[in-house]
């Protein structure tokens, strides 16, 4: 039996892992934690499937010091929505901010990310 607080704590941990994996170009982490039908909306308005996202992640992001802030986890049974703000440093040294929304679903007892939407300011 899952408890609300335990699920929220696990989803916060998964969220931190997601951001770290983006920062480190950690494709293996995403191979484990993305649903097979995962979709990602990029800041340039492109929509990519899981394979395209993994290819994108394999290349350095072109930003550094990516951090998440103001993380809000909303749990709806076996579905969760995570909203957060980001801060990062551009390649030219300018500071940037963004927001993201990730959707997670519990599948056979494991939380998998099924969708992500990223905005950069």
PDB file of N, CA and C in Angstrom:
ATOM      1  N   UNK A   1       0.840  -1.184   0.000  1.00  0.00           N
ATOM      2  CA  UNK A   1       0.000   0.000   0.000  1.00  0.00           C
ATOM      3  C   UNK A   1       0.887   1.249   0.000  1.00  0.00           C
ATOM      4  N   UNK A   2       0.555   2.186  -0.847  1.00  0.00           N
ATOM      5  CA  UNK A   2       1.326   3.423  -0.949  1.00  0.00           C
ATOM      6  C   UNK A   2       0.664   4.494  -0.102  1.00  0.00           C
ATOM      7  N   UNK A   3       1.486   5.310   0.538  1.00  0.00           N
ATOM      8  CA  UNK A   3       0.943   6.438   1.267  1.00  0.00           C
ATOM      9  C   UNK A   3       1.242   7.706   0.495  1.00  0.00           C
ATOM     10  N   UNK A   4       0.383   8.689   0.652  1.00  0.00           N
ATOM     11  CA  UNK A   4       0.548   9.969  -0.033  1.00  0.00           C
ATOM     12  C   UNK A   4       1.929  10.564   0.252  1.00  0.00           C
ATOM     13  N   UNK A   5       2.302  10.644   1.530  1.00  0.00           N
ATOM     14  CA  UNK A   5       3.575  11.265   1.894  1.00  0.00           C
ATOM     15  C   UNK A   5       4.769  10.506   1.328  1.00  0.00           C
ATOM     16  N   UNK A   6       4.707   9.182   1.339  1.00  0.00           N
ATOM     17  CA  UNK A   6       5.806   8.380   0.786  1.00  0.00           C
ATOM     18  C   UNK A   6       5.922   8.588  -0.721  1.00  0.00           C
ATOM     19  N   UNK A   7       4.777   8.636  -1.407  1.00  0.00           N
ATOM     20  CA  UNK A   7       4.805   8.872  -2.856  1.00  0.00           C
ATOM     21  C   UNK A   7       5.354  10.256  -3.177  1.00  0.00           C
ATOM     22  N   UNK A   8       4.931  11.272  -2.431  1.00  0.00           N
ATOM     23  CA  UNK A   8       5.427  12.630  -2.674  1.00  0.00           C
ATOM     24  C   UNK A   8       6.932  12.686  -2.432  1.00  0.00           C
ATOM     25  N   UNK A   9       7.414  12.059  -1.370  1.00  0.00           N
ATOM     26  CA  UNK A   9       8.856  12.038  -1.090  1.00  0.00           C
ATOM     27  C   UNK A   9       9.617  11.346  -2.221  1.00  0.00           C
ATOM     28  N   UNK A  10       9.104  10.222  -2.705  1.00  0.00           N
ATOM     29  CA  UNK A  10       9.750   9.512  -3.797  1.00  0.00           C
ATOM     30  C   UNK A  10       9.741  10.348  -5.072  1.00  0.00           C
ATOM     31  N   UNK A  11       8.635  11.001  -5.361  1.00  0.00           N
ATOM     32  CA  UNK A  11       8.546  11.843  -6.558  1.00  0.00           C
ATOM     33  C   UNK A  11       9.487  13.042  -6.462  1.00  0.00           C
ATOM     34  N   UNK A  12       9.677  13.599  -5.292  1.00  0.00           N
ATOM     35  CA  UNK A  12      10.653  14.684  -5.118  1.00  0.00           C
ATOM     36  C   UNK A  12      12.069  14.167  -5.407  1.00  0.00           C
ATOM     37  N   UNK A  13      12.352  12.964  -4.932  1.00  0.00           N
ATOM     38  CA  UNK A  13      13.650  12.348  -5.200  1.00  0.00           C
ATOM     39  C   UNK A  13      13.829  12.093  -6.698  1.00  0.00           C
ATOM     40  N   UNK A  14      12.807  11.568  -7.350  1.00  0.00           N
ATOM     41  CA  UNK A  14      12.864  11.339  -8.794  1.00  0.00           C
ATOM     42  C   UNK A  14      13.028  12.655  -9.547  1.00  0.00           C
ATOM     43  N   UNK A  15      12.365  13.706  -9.102  1.00  0.00           N
ATOM     44  CA  UNK A  15      12.492  15.016  -9.731  1.00  0.00           C
ATOM     45  C   UNK A  15      13.933  15.515  -9.643  1.00  0.00           C
ATOM     46  N   UNK A  16      14.533  15.388  -8.469  1.00  0.00           N
ATOM     47  CA  UNK A  16      15.938  15.796  -8.313  1.00  0.00           C
ATOM     48  C   UNK A  16      16.839  14.962  -9.213  1.00  0.00           C
ATOM     49  N   UNK A  17      16.544  13.667  -9.306  1.00  0.00           N
ATOM     50  CA  UNK A  17      17.314  12.801 -10.185  1.00  0.00           C
ATOM     51  C   UNK A  17      17.187  13.202 -11.637  1.00  0.00           C
ATOM     52  N   UNK A  18      15.993  13.596 -12.040  1.00  0.00           N
ATOM     53  CA  UNK A  18      15.735  14.041 -13.414  1.00  0.00           C
ATOM     54  C   UNK A  18      16.599  15.264 -13.739  1.00  0.00           C
ATOM     55  N   UNK A  19      16.582  16.255 -12.861  1.00  0.00           N
ATOM     56  CA  UNK A  19      17.355  17.483 -13.100  1.00  0.00           C
ATOM     57  C   UNK A  19      18.845  17.166 -13.113  1.00  0.00           C
ATOM     58  N   UNK A  20      19.300  16.329 -12.179  1.00  0.00           N
ATOM     59  CA  UNK A  20      20.712  15.942 -12.161  1.00  0.00           C
ATOM     60  C   UNK A  20      21.091  15.222 -13.452  1.00  0.00           C
ATOM     61  N   UNK A  21      20.199  14.341 -13.934  1.00  0.00           N
ATOM     62  CA  UNK A  21      20.474  13.579 -15.159  1.00  0.00           C
ATOM     63  C   UNK A  21      20.555  14.501 -16.375  1.00  0.00           C
ATOM     64  N   UNK A  22      19.729  15.544 -16.421  1.00  0.00           N
ATOM     65  CA  UNK A  22      19.840  16.540 -17.496  1.00  0.00           C
ATOM     66  C   UNK A  22      21.196  17.224 -17.394  1.00  0.00           C
ATOM     67  N   UNK A  23      21.542  17.654 -16.193  1.00  0.00           N
ATOM     68  CA  UNK A  23      22.795  18.382 -15.962  1.00  0.00           C
ATOM     69  C   UNK A  23      24.004  17.542 -16.370  1.00  0.00           C
ATOM     70  N   UNK A  24      23.939  16.210 -16.091  1.00  0.00           N
ATOM     71  CA  UNK A  24      25.078  15.320 -16.340  1.00  0.00           C
ATOM     72  C   UNK A  24      24.981  14.540 -17.649  1.00  0.00           C
ATOM     73  N   UNK A  25      23.976  14.799 -18.471  1.00  0.00           N
ATOM     74  CA  UNK A  25      23.749  14.044 -19.712  1.00  0.00           C
ATOM     75  C   UNK A  25      23.701  12.544 -19.431  1.00  0.00           C
ATOM     76  N   UNK A  26      22.978  12.155 -18.382  1.00  0.00           N
ATOM     77  CA  UNK A  26      22.916  10.778 -17.900  1.00  0.00           C
ATOM     78  C   UNK A  26      21.783  10.008 -18.601  1.00  0.00           C
ATOM     79  N   UNK A  27      22.088   9.506 -19.775  1.00  0.00           N
ATOM     80  CA  UNK A  27      21.098   8.780 -20.581  1.00  0.00           C
ATOM     81  C   UNK A  27      20.602   7.540 -19.843  1.00  0.00           C
ATOM     82  N   UNK A  28      21.482   6.841 -19.147  1.00  0.00           N
ATOM     83  CA  UNK A  28      21.092   5.610 -18.444  1.00  0.00           C
ATOM     84  C   UNK A  28      19.993   5.874 -17.420  1.00  0.00           C
ATOM     85  N   UNK A  29      20.070   7.004 -16.708  1.00  0.00           N
ATOM     86  CA  UNK A  29      19.029   7.334 -15.735  1.00  0.00           C
ATOM     87  C   UNK A  29      17.681   7.451 -16.441  1.00  0.00           C
ATOM     88  N   UNK A  30      17.672   8.153 -17.572  1.00  0.00           N
ATOM     89  CA  UNK A  30      16.421   8.334 -18.307  1.00  0.00           C
ATOM     90  C   UNK A  30      15.909   7.032 -18.909  1.00  0.00           C
ATOM     91  N   UNK A  31      16.807   6.155 -19.355  1.00  0.00           N
ATOM     92  CA  UNK A  31      16.366   4.866 -19.888  1.00  0.00           C
ATOM     93  C   UNK A  31      15.578   4.081 -18.842  1.00  0.00           C
ATOM     94  N   UNK A  32      15.925   4.246 -17.583  1.00  0.00           N
ATOM     95  CA  UNK A  32      15.244   3.563 -16.485  1.00  0.00           C
ATOM     96  C   UNK A  32      13.951   4.249 -16.071  1.00  0.00           C
ATOM     97  N   UNK A  33      13.883   5.582 -16.185  1.00  0.00           N
ATOM     98  CA  UNK A  33      12.788   6.346 -15.580  1.00  0.00           C
ATOM     99  C   UNK A  33      11.791   6.972 -16.556  1.00  0.00           C
ATOM    100  N   UNK A  34      11.967   6.765 -17.850  1.00  0.00           N
ATOM    101  CA  UNK A  34      11.000   7.289 -18.822  1.00  0.00           C
ATOM    102  C   UNK A  34      10.090   6.175 -19.324  1.00  0.00           C
ATOM    103  N   UNK A  35       8.817   6.476 -19.459  1.00  0.00           N
ATOM    104  CA  UNK A  35       7.872   5.539 -20.059  1.00  0.00           C
ATOM    105  C   UNK A  35       8.220   5.355 -21.537  1.00  0.00           C
ATOM    106  N   UNK A  36       7.849   4.211 -22.084  1.00  0.00           N
ATOM    107  CA  UNK A  36       8.127   3.934 -23.501  1.00  0.00           C
ATOM    108  C   UNK A  36       7.465   4.959 -24.420  1.00  0.00           C
ATOM    109  N   UNK A  37       6.302   5.497 -24.019  1.00  0.00           N
ATOM    110  CA  UNK A  37       5.587   6.465 -24.859  1.00  0.00           C
ATOM    111  C   UNK A  37       5.817   7.907 -24.406  1.00  0.00           C
ATOM    112  N   UNK A  38       6.927   8.168 -23.711  1.00  0.00           N
ATOM    113  CA  UNK A  38       7.287   9.499 -23.221  1.00  0.00           C
ATOM    114  C   UNK A  38       7.318  10.520 -24.357  1.00  0.00           C
ATOM    115  N   UNK A  39       6.819  11.724 -24.061  1.00  0.00           N
ATOM    116  CA  UNK A  39       6.897  12.862 -24.985  1.00  0.00           C
ATOM    117  C   UNK A  39       7.460  14.065 -24.243  1.00  0.00           C
ATOM    118  N   UNK A  40       8.284  14.856 -24.928  1.00  0.00           N
ATOM    119  CA  UNK A  40       8.868  16.064 -24.343  1.00  0.00           C
ATOM    120  C   UNK A  40       8.619  17.261 -25.246  1.00  0.00           C
ATOM    121  N   UNK A  41       8.100  18.337 -24.662  1.00  0.00           N
ATOM    122  CA  UNK A  41       7.965  19.620 -25.354  1.00  0.00           C
ATOM    123  C   UNK A  41       9.190  20.453 -25.003  1.00  0.00           C
ATOM    124  N   UNK A  42      10.001  20.750 -26.000  1.00  0.00           N
ATOM    125  CA  UNK A  42      11.220  21.529 -25.810  1.00  0.00           C
ATOM    126  C   UNK A  42      10.933  23.021 -25.782  1.00  0.00           C
ATOM    127  N   UNK A  43      11.891  23.821 -25.256  1.00  0.00           N
ATOM    128  CA  UNK A  43      11.714  25.277 -25.244  1.00  0.00           C
ATOM    129  C   UNK A  43      11.522  25.884 -26.634  1.00  0.00           C
ATOM    130  N   UNK A  44      12.011  25.203 -27.697  1.00  0.00           N
ATOM    131  CA  UNK A  44      11.853  25.729 -29.062  1.00  0.00           C
ATOM    132  C   UNK A  44      10.521  25.311 -29.695  1.00  0.00           C
ATOM    133  N   UNK A  45       9.620  24.734 -28.875  1.00  0.00           N
ATOM    134  CA  UNK A  45       8.280  24.296 -29.285  1.00  0.00           C
ATOM    135  C   UNK A  45       8.268  22.975 -30.040  1.00  0.00           C
ATOM    136  N   UNK A  46       9.408  22.304 -30.166  1.00  0.00           N
ATOM    137  CA  UNK A  46       9.406  20.985 -30.797  1.00  0.00           C
ATOM    138  C   UNK A  46       8.892  19.946 -29.798  1.00  0.00           C
ATOM    139  N   UNK A  47       8.266  18.909 -30.329  1.00  0.00           N
ATOM    140  CA  UNK A  47       7.765  17.801 -29.534  1.00  0.00           C
ATOM    141  C   UNK A  47       8.530  16.560 -29.955  1.00  0.00           C
ATOM    142  N   UNK A  48       9.213  15.915 -29.001  1.00  0.00           N
ATOM    143  CA  UNK A  48      10.022  14.765 -29.356  1.00  0.00           C
ATOM    144  C   UNK A  48       9.617  13.545 -28.526  1.00  0.00           C
ATOM    145  N   UNK A  49       9.795  12.392 -29.133  1.00  0.00           N
ATOM    146  CA  UNK A  49       9.513  11.116 -28.484  1.00  0.00           C
ATOM    147  C   UNK A  49      10.702  10.697 -27.623  1.00  0.00           C
ATOM    148  N   UNK A  50      10.553   9.596 -26.944  1.00  0.00           N
ATOM    149  CA  UNK A  50      11.565   9.082 -26.026  1.00  0.00           C
ATOM    150  C   UNK A  50      12.938   8.965 -26.687  1.00  0.00           C
ATOM    151  N   UNK A  51      13.004   8.326 -27.856  1.00  0.00           N
ATOM    152  CA  UNK A  51      14.293   8.118 -28.528  1.00  0.00           C
ATOM    153  C   UNK A  51      14.969   9.450 -28.856  1.00  0.00           C
ATOM    154  N   UNK A  52      14.209  10.406 -29.342  1.00  0.00           N
ATOM    155  CA  UNK A  52      14.764  11.727 -29.635  1.00  0.00           C
ATOM    156  C   UNK A  52      15.237  12.441 -28.388  1.00  0.00           C
ATOM    157  N   UNK A  53      14.496  12.274 -27.298  1.00  0.00           N
ATOM    158  CA  UNK A  53      14.888  12.887 -26.033  1.00  0.00           C
ATOM    159  C   UNK A  53      16.195  12.281 -25.533  1.00  0.00           C
ATOM    160  N   UNK A  54      16.323  10.957 -25.620  1.00  0.00           N
ATOM    161  CA  UNK A  54      17.557  10.309 -25.180  1.00  0.00           C
ATOM    162  C   UNK A  54      18.748  10.785 -26.013  1.00  0.00           C
ATOM    163  N   UNK A  55      18.544  10.954 -27.306  1.00  0.00           N
ATOM    164  CA  UNK A  55      19.604  11.485 -28.168  1.00  0.00           C
ATOM    165  C   UNK A  55      19.957  12.907 -27.758  1.00  0.00           C
ATOM    166  N   UNK A  56      18.933  13.700 -27.488  1.00  0.00           N
ATOM    167  CA  UNK A  56      19.136  15.094 -27.067  1.00  0.00           C
ATOM    168  C   UNK A  56      19.908  15.147 -25.746  1.00  0.00           C
ATOM    169  N   UNK A  57      19.555  14.293 -24.800  1.00  0.00           N
ATOM    170  CA  UNK A  57      20.194  14.278 -23.485  1.00  0.00           C
ATOM    171  C   UNK A  57      21.654  13.848 -23.587  1.00  0.00           C
ATOM    172  N   UNK A  58      21.968  12.978 -24.522  1.00  0.00           N
ATOM    173  CA  UNK A  58      23.344  12.486 -24.676  1.00  0.00           C
ATOM    174  C   UNK A  58      24.316  13.619 -24.991  1.00  0.00           C
ATOM    175  N   UNK A  59      23.818  14.689 -25.591  1.00  0.00           N
ATOM    176  CA  UNK A  59      24.656  15.847 -25.908  1.00  0.00           C
ATOM    177  C   UNK A  59      24.589  16.839 -24.753  1.00  0.00           C
ATOM    178  N   UNK A  60      25.714  17.442 -24.377  1.00  0.00           N
ATOM    179  CA  UNK A  60      25.677  18.438 -23.302  1.00  0.00           C
ATOM    180  C   UNK A  60      24.636  19.517 -23.588  1.00  0.00           C
ATOM    181  N   UNK A  61      23.951  19.960 -22.542  1.00  0.00           N
ATOM    182  CA  UNK A  61      22.818  20.872 -22.674  1.00  0.00           C
ATOM    183  C   UNK A  61      23.192  22.280 -23.121  1.00  0.00           C
ATOM    184  N   UNK A  62      24.457  22.656 -23.050  1.00  0.00           N
ATOM    185  CA  UNK A  62      24.845  24.014 -23.428  1.00  0.00           C
ATOM    186  C   UNK A  62      24.595  25.009 -22.311  1.00  0.00           C
ATOM    187  N   UNK A  63      24.177  24.519 -21.164  1.00  0.00           N
ATOM    188  CA  UNK A  63      23.995  25.342 -19.974  1.00  0.00           C
ATOM    189  C   UNK A  63      24.703  24.638 -18.822  1.00  0.00           C
ATOM    190  N   UNK A  64      24.963  25.381 -17.772  1.00  0.00           N
ATOM    191  CA  UNK A  64      25.590  24.779 -16.590  1.00  0.00           C
ATOM    192  C   UNK A  64      24.863  25.247 -15.343  1.00  0.00           C
ATOM    193  N   UNK A  65      25.192  24.624 -14.251  1.00  0.00           N
ATOM    194  CA  UNK A  65      24.635  24.952 -12.934  1.00  0.00           C
ATOM    195  C   UNK A  65      23.102  24.920 -12.911  1.00  0.00           C
ATOM    196  N   UNK A  66      22.546  23.969 -13.617  1.00  0.00           N
ATOM    197  CA  UNK A  66      21.087  23.805 -13.634  1.00  0.00           C
ATOM    198  C   UNK A  66      20.612  23.372 -12.250  1.00  0.00           C
ATOM    199  N   UNK A  67      19.649  24.108 -11.708  1.00  0.00           N
ATOM    200  CA  UNK A  67      19.077  23.785 -10.404  1.00  0.00           C
ATOM    201  C   UNK A  67      17.566  23.985 -10.457  1.00  0.00           C
ATOM    202  N   UNK A  68      16.864  23.181  -9.660  1.00  0.00           N
ATOM    203  CA  UNK A  68      15.414  23.318  -9.563  1.00  0.00           C
ATOM    204  C   UNK A  68      15.048  24.088  -8.296  1.00  0.00           C
ATOM    205  N   UNK A  69      13.944  24.819  -8.371  1.00  0.00           N
ATOM    206  CA  UNK A  69      13.441  25.622  -7.251  1.00  0.00           C
ATOM    207  C   UNK A  69      11.919  25.530  -7.228  1.00  0.00           C
ATOM    208  N   UNK A  70      11.351  25.844  -6.087  1.00  0.00           N
ATOM    209  CA  UNK A  70       9.890  25.947  -5.957  1.00  0.00           C
ATOM    210  C   UNK A  70       9.191  24.716  -6.535  1.00  0.00           C
ATOM    211  N   UNK A  71       9.654  23.538  -6.139  1.00  0.00           N
ATOM    212  CA  UNK A  71       9.105  22.280  -6.647  1.00  0.00           C
ATOM    213  C   UNK A  71       7.758  22.011  -5.973  1.00  0.00           C
ATOM    214  N   UNK A  72       6.747  21.782  -6.790  1.00  0.00           N
ATOM    215  CA  UNK A  72       5.411  21.459  -6.293  1.00  0.00           C
ATOM    216  C   UNK A  72       4.984  20.120  -6.892  1.00  0.00           C
ATOM    217  N   UNK A  73       4.686  19.171  -6.016  1.00  0.00           N
ATOM    218  CA  UNK A  73       4.248  17.840  -6.434  1.00  0.00           C
ATOM    219  C   UNK A  73       2.760  17.732  -6.154  1.00  0.00           C
ATOM    220  N   UNK A  74       2.000  17.424  -7.202  1.00  0.00           N
ATOM    221  CA  UNK A  74       0.554  17.237  -7.068  1.00  0.00           C
ATOM    222  C   UNK A  74       0.247  15.784  -7.411  1.00  0.00           C
ATOM    223  N   UNK A  75      -0.335  15.074  -6.474  1.00  0.00           N
ATOM    224  CA  UNK A  75      -0.575  13.649  -6.617  1.00  0.00           C
ATOM    225  C   UNK A  75      -2.058  13.379  -6.818  1.00  0.00           C
ATOM    226  N   UNK A  76      -2.372  12.587  -7.853  1.00  0.00           N
ATOM    227  CA  UNK A  76      -3.744  12.206  -8.198  1.00  0.00           C
ATOM    228  C   UNK A  76      -3.778  10.687  -8.366  1.00  0.00           C
ATOM    229  N   UNK A  77      -3.735   9.966  -7.252  1.00  0.00           N
ATOM    230  CA  UNK A  77      -3.715   8.505  -7.326  1.00  0.00           C
ATOM    231  C   UNK A  77      -2.423   8.014  -7.939  1.00  0.00           C
ATOM    232  N   UNK A  78      -2.516   7.360  -9.101  1.00  0.00           N
ATOM    233  CA  UNK A  78      -1.345   6.818  -9.784  1.00  0.00           C
ATOM    234  C   UNK A  78      -0.761   7.768 -10.824  1.00  0.00           C
ATOM    235  N   UNK A  79      -1.139   9.048 -10.762  1.00  0.00           N
ATOM    236  CA  UNK A  79      -0.597  10.081 -11.650  1.00  0.00           C
ATOM    237  C   UNK A  79      -0.127  11.247 -10.788  1.00  0.00           C
ATOM    238  N   UNK A  80       0.998  11.828 -11.158  1.00  0.00           N
ATOM    239  CA  UNK A  80       1.522  12.987 -10.444  1.00  0.00           C
ATOM    240  C   UNK A  80       1.976  14.032 -11.454  1.00  0.00           C
ATOM    241  N   UNK A  81       1.783  15.287 -11.080  1.00  0.00           N
ATOM    242  CA  UNK A  81       2.250  16.411 -11.884  1.00  0.00           C
ATOM    243  C   UNK A  81       3.231  17.189 -11.024  1.00  0.00           C
ATOM    244  N   UNK A  82       4.408  17.449 -11.586  1.00  0.00           N
ATOM    245  CA  UNK A  82       5.431  18.215 -10.883  1.00  0.00           C
ATOM    246  C   UNK A  82       5.661  19.514 -11.646  1.00  0.00           C
ATOM    247  N   UNK A  83       5.535  20.621 -10.919  1.00  0.00           N
ATOM    248  CA  UNK A  83       5.810  21.950 -11.459  1.00  0.00           C
ATOM    249  C   UNK A  83       7.036  22.492 -10.735  1.00  0.00           C
ATOM    250  N   UNK A  84       7.935  23.147 -11.441  1.00  0.00           N
ATOM    251  CA  UNK A  84       9.103  23.729 -10.781  1.00  0.00           C
ATOM    252  C   UNK A  84       9.695  24.841 -11.635  1.00  0.00           C
ATOM    253  N   UNK A  85      10.530  25.627 -10.992  1.00  0.00           N
ATOM    254  CA  UNK A  85      11.288  26.677 -11.656  1.00  0.00           C
ATOM    255  C   UNK A  85      12.737  26.216 -11.737  1.00  0.00           C
ATOM    256  N   UNK A  86      13.456  26.691 -12.734  1.00  0.00           N
ATOM    257  CA  UNK A  86      14.877  26.373 -12.852  1.00  0.00           C
ATOM    258  C   UNK A  86      15.705  27.647 -12.921  1.00  0.00           C
ATOM    259  N   UNK A  87      16.954  27.510 -12.547  1.00  0.00           N
ATOM    260  CA  UNK A  87      17.956  28.541 -12.790  1.00  0.00           C
ATOM    261  C   UNK A  87      19.163  27.835 -13.388  1.00  0.00           C
ATOM    262  N   UNK A  88      19.901  28.543 -14.223  1.00  0.00           N
ATOM    263  CA  UNK A  88      21.058  27.957 -14.903  1.00  0.00           C
ATOM    264  C   UNK A  88      21.943  29.071 -15.428  1.00  0.00           C
ATOM    265  N   UNK A  89      23.116  28.692 -15.898  1.00  0.00           N
ATOM    266  CA  UNK A  89      24.052  29.630 -16.499  1.00  0.00           C
ATOM    267  C   UNK A  89      24.203  29.271 -17.972  1.00  0.00           C
ATOM    268  N   UNK A  90      24.001  30.276 -18.834  1.00  0.00           N
ATOM    269  CA  UNK A  90      24.187  30.090 -20.277  1.00  0.00           C
ATOM    270  C   UNK A  90      25.677  29.928 -20.587  1.00  0.00           C
ATOM    271  N   UNK A  91      25.992  29.431 -21.777  1.00  0.00           N
ATOM    272  CA  UNK A  91      27.382  29.231 -22.198  1.00  0.00           C
ATOM    273  C   UNK A  91      28.177  30.539 -22.161  1.00  0.00           C
ATOM    274  N   UNK A  92      27.499  31.680 -22.412  1.00  0.00           N
ATOM    275  CA  UNK A  92      28.188  32.980 -22.403  1.00  0.00           C
ATOM    276  C   UNK A  92      28.248  33.607 -21.008  1.00  0.00           C
ATOM    277  N   UNK A  93      27.784  32.877 -19.981  1.00  0.00           N
ATOM    278  CA  UNK A  93      27.868  33.363 -18.608  1.00  0.00           C
ATOM    279  C   UNK A  93      26.620  34.058 -18.094  1.00  0.00           C
ATOM    280  N   UNK A  94      25.669  34.348 -18.993  1.00  0.00           N
ATOM    281  CA  UNK A  94      24.420  34.983 -18.536  1.00  0.00           C
ATOM    282  C   UNK A  94      23.608  34.005 -17.701  1.00  0.00           C
ATOM    283  N   UNK A  95      22.883  34.539 -16.735  1.00  0.00           N
ATOM    284  CA  UNK A  95      21.998  33.722 -15.908  1.00  0.00           C
ATOM    285  C   UNK A  95      20.658  33.569 -16.611  1.00  0.00           C
ATOM    286  N   UNK A  96      20.087  32.375 -16.526  1.00  0.00           N
ATOM    287  CA  UNK A  96      18.789  32.110 -17.139  1.00  0.00           C
ATOM    288  C   UNK A  96      17.848  31.465 -16.141  1.00  0.00           C
ATOM    289  N   UNK A  97      16.564  31.548 -16.464  1.00  0.00           N
ATOM    290  CA  UNK A  97      15.545  30.901 -15.644  1.00  0.00           C
ATOM    291  C   UNK A  97      14.565  30.197 -16.562  1.00  0.00           C
ATOM    292  N   UNK A  98      13.827  29.286 -16.005  1.00  0.00           N
ATOM    293  CA  UNK A  98      12.823  28.573 -16.776  1.00  0.00           C
ATOM    294  C   UNK A  98      11.818  27.922 -15.850  1.00  0.00           C
ATOM    295  N   UNK A  99      10.883  27.221 -16.451  1.00  0.00           N
ATOM    296  CA  UNK A  99       9.903  26.443 -15.710  1.00  0.00           C
ATOM    297  C   UNK A  99       9.720  25.125 -16.436  1.00  0.00           C
ATOM    298  N   UNK A 100       9.305  24.123 -15.687  1.00  0.00           N
ATOM    299  CA  UNK A 100       8.968  22.851 -16.318  1.00  0.00           C
ATOM    300  C   UNK A 100       7.792  22.220 -15.602  1.00  0.00           C
ATOM    301  N   UNK A 101       7.111  21.374 -16.347  1.00  0.00           N
ATOM    302  CA  UNK A 101       6.037  20.546 -15.824  1.00  0.00           C
ATOM    303  C   UNK A 101       6.301  19.130 -16.300  1.00  0.00           C
ATOM    304  N   UNK A 102       6.375  18.200 -15.352  1.00  0.00           N
ATOM    305  CA  UNK A 102       6.569  16.790 -15.677  1.00  0.00           C
ATOM    306  C   UNK A 102       5.349  16.011 -15.200  1.00  0.00           C
ATOM    307  N   UNK A 103       4.955  15.033 -15.975  1.00  0.00           N
ATOM    308  CA  UNK A 103       3.846  14.155 -15.600  1.00  0.00           C
ATOM    309  C   UNK A 103       4.405  12.762 -15.393  1.00  0.00           C
ATOM    310  N   UNK A 104       4.113  12.190 -14.224  1.00  0.00           N
ATOM    311  CA  UNK A 104       4.581  10.864 -13.856  1.00  0.00           C
ATOM    312  C   UNK A 104       3.371   9.959 -13.665  1.00  0.00           C
ATOM    313  N   UNK A 105       3.515   8.684 -14.004  1.00  0.00           N
ATOM    314  CA  UNK A 105       2.455   7.699 -13.798  1.00  0.00           C
ATOM    315  C   UNK A 105       3.062   6.448 -13.176  1.00  0.00           C
ATOM    316  N   UNK A 106       2.328   5.872 -12.224  1.00  0.00           N
ATOM    317  CA  UNK A 106       2.785   4.627 -11.616  1.00  0.00           C
ATOM    318  C   UNK A 106       2.374   3.478 -12.532  1.00  0.00           C
ATOM    319  N   UNK A 107       3.372   2.690 -12.963  1.00  0.00           N
ATOM    320  CA  UNK A 107       3.133   1.559 -13.856  1.00  0.00           C
ATOM    321  C   UNK A 107       3.773   0.332 -13.231  1.00  0.00           C
ATOM    322  N   UNK A 108       2.959  -0.649 -12.915  1.00  0.00           N
ATOM    323  CA  UNK A 108       3.437  -1.875 -12.269  1.00  0.00           C
ATOM    324  C   UNK A 108       4.298  -1.565 -11.046  1.00  0.00           C
ATOM    325  N   UNK A 109       3.832  -0.600 -10.249  1.00  0.00           N
ATOM    326  CA  UNK A 109       4.493  -0.249  -8.999  1.00  0.00           C
ATOM    327  C   UNK A 109       5.644   0.724  -9.118  1.00  0.00           C
ATOM    328  N   UNK A 110       6.027   1.118 -10.320  1.00  0.00           N
ATOM    329  CA  UNK A 110       7.160   2.019 -10.519  1.00  0.00           C
ATOM    330  C   UNK A 110       6.669   3.333 -11.125  1.00  0.00           C
ATOM    331  N   UNK A 111       7.171   4.440 -10.606  1.00  0.00           N
ATOM    332  CA  UNK A 111       6.862   5.746 -11.180  1.00  0.00           C
ATOM    333  C   UNK A 111       7.715   5.967 -12.421  1.00  0.00           C
ATOM    334  N   UNK A 112       7.065   6.289 -13.546  1.00  0.00           N
ATOM    335  CA  UNK A 112       7.760   6.596 -14.797  1.00  0.00           C
ATOM    336  C   UNK A 112       7.297   7.959 -15.295  1.00  0.00           C
ATOM    337  N   UNK A 113       8.209   8.723 -15.841  1.00  0.00           N
ATOM    338  CA  UNK A 113       7.843  10.011 -16.418  1.00  0.00           C
ATOM    339  C   UNK A 113       7.233   9.756 -17.798  1.00  0.00           C
ATOM    340  N   UNK A 114       6.019  10.276 -18.006  1.00  0.00           N
ATOM    341  CA  UNK A 114       5.320  10.052 -19.276  1.00  0.00           C
ATOM    342  C   UNK A 114       5.339  11.284 -20.174  1.00  0.00           C
ATOM    343  N   UNK A 115       5.557  12.467 -19.570  1.00  0.00           N
ATOM    344  CA  UNK A 115       5.568  13.695 -20.372  1.00  0.00           C
ATOM    345  C   UNK A 115       6.315  14.797 -19.634  1.00  0.00           C
ATOM    346  N   UNK A 116       6.926  15.678 -20.415  1.00  0.00           N
ATOM    347  CA  UNK A 116       7.631  16.834 -19.855  1.00  0.00           C
ATOM    348  C   UNK A 116       7.421  18.020 -20.779  1.00  0.00           C
ATOM    349  N   UNK A 117       7.345  19.196 -20.170  1.00  0.00           N
ATOM    350  CA  UNK A 117       7.223  20.444 -20.919  1.00  0.00           C
ATOM    351  C   UNK A 117       8.198  21.438 -20.300  1.00  0.00           C
ATOM    352  N   UNK A 118       9.076  22.011 -21.129  1.00  0.00           N
ATOM    353  CA  UNK A 118      10.146  22.898 -20.634  1.00  0.00           C
ATOM    354  C   UNK A 118      10.029  24.265 -21.286  1.00  0.00           C
ATOM    355  N   UNK A 119      10.076  25.301 -20.453  1.00  0.00           N
ATOM    356  CA  UNK A 119      10.117  26.694 -20.922  1.00  0.00           C
ATOM    357  C   UNK A 119      11.379  27.352 -20.371  1.00  0.00           C
ATOM    358  N   UNK A 120      11.986  28.187 -21.163  1.00  0.00           N
ATOM    359  CA  UNK A 120      13.136  28.971 -20.694  1.00  0.00           C
ATOM    360  C   UNK A 120      12.842  30.443 -20.939  1.00  0.00           C
ATOM    361  N   UNK A 121      13.218  31.251 -19.953  1.00  0.00           N
ATOM    362  CA  UNK A 121      12.969  32.685 -20.038  1.00  0.00           C
ATOM    363  C   UNK A 121      14.123  33.453 -20.583  1.00  0.00           C
TER     364      UNK A 121
END
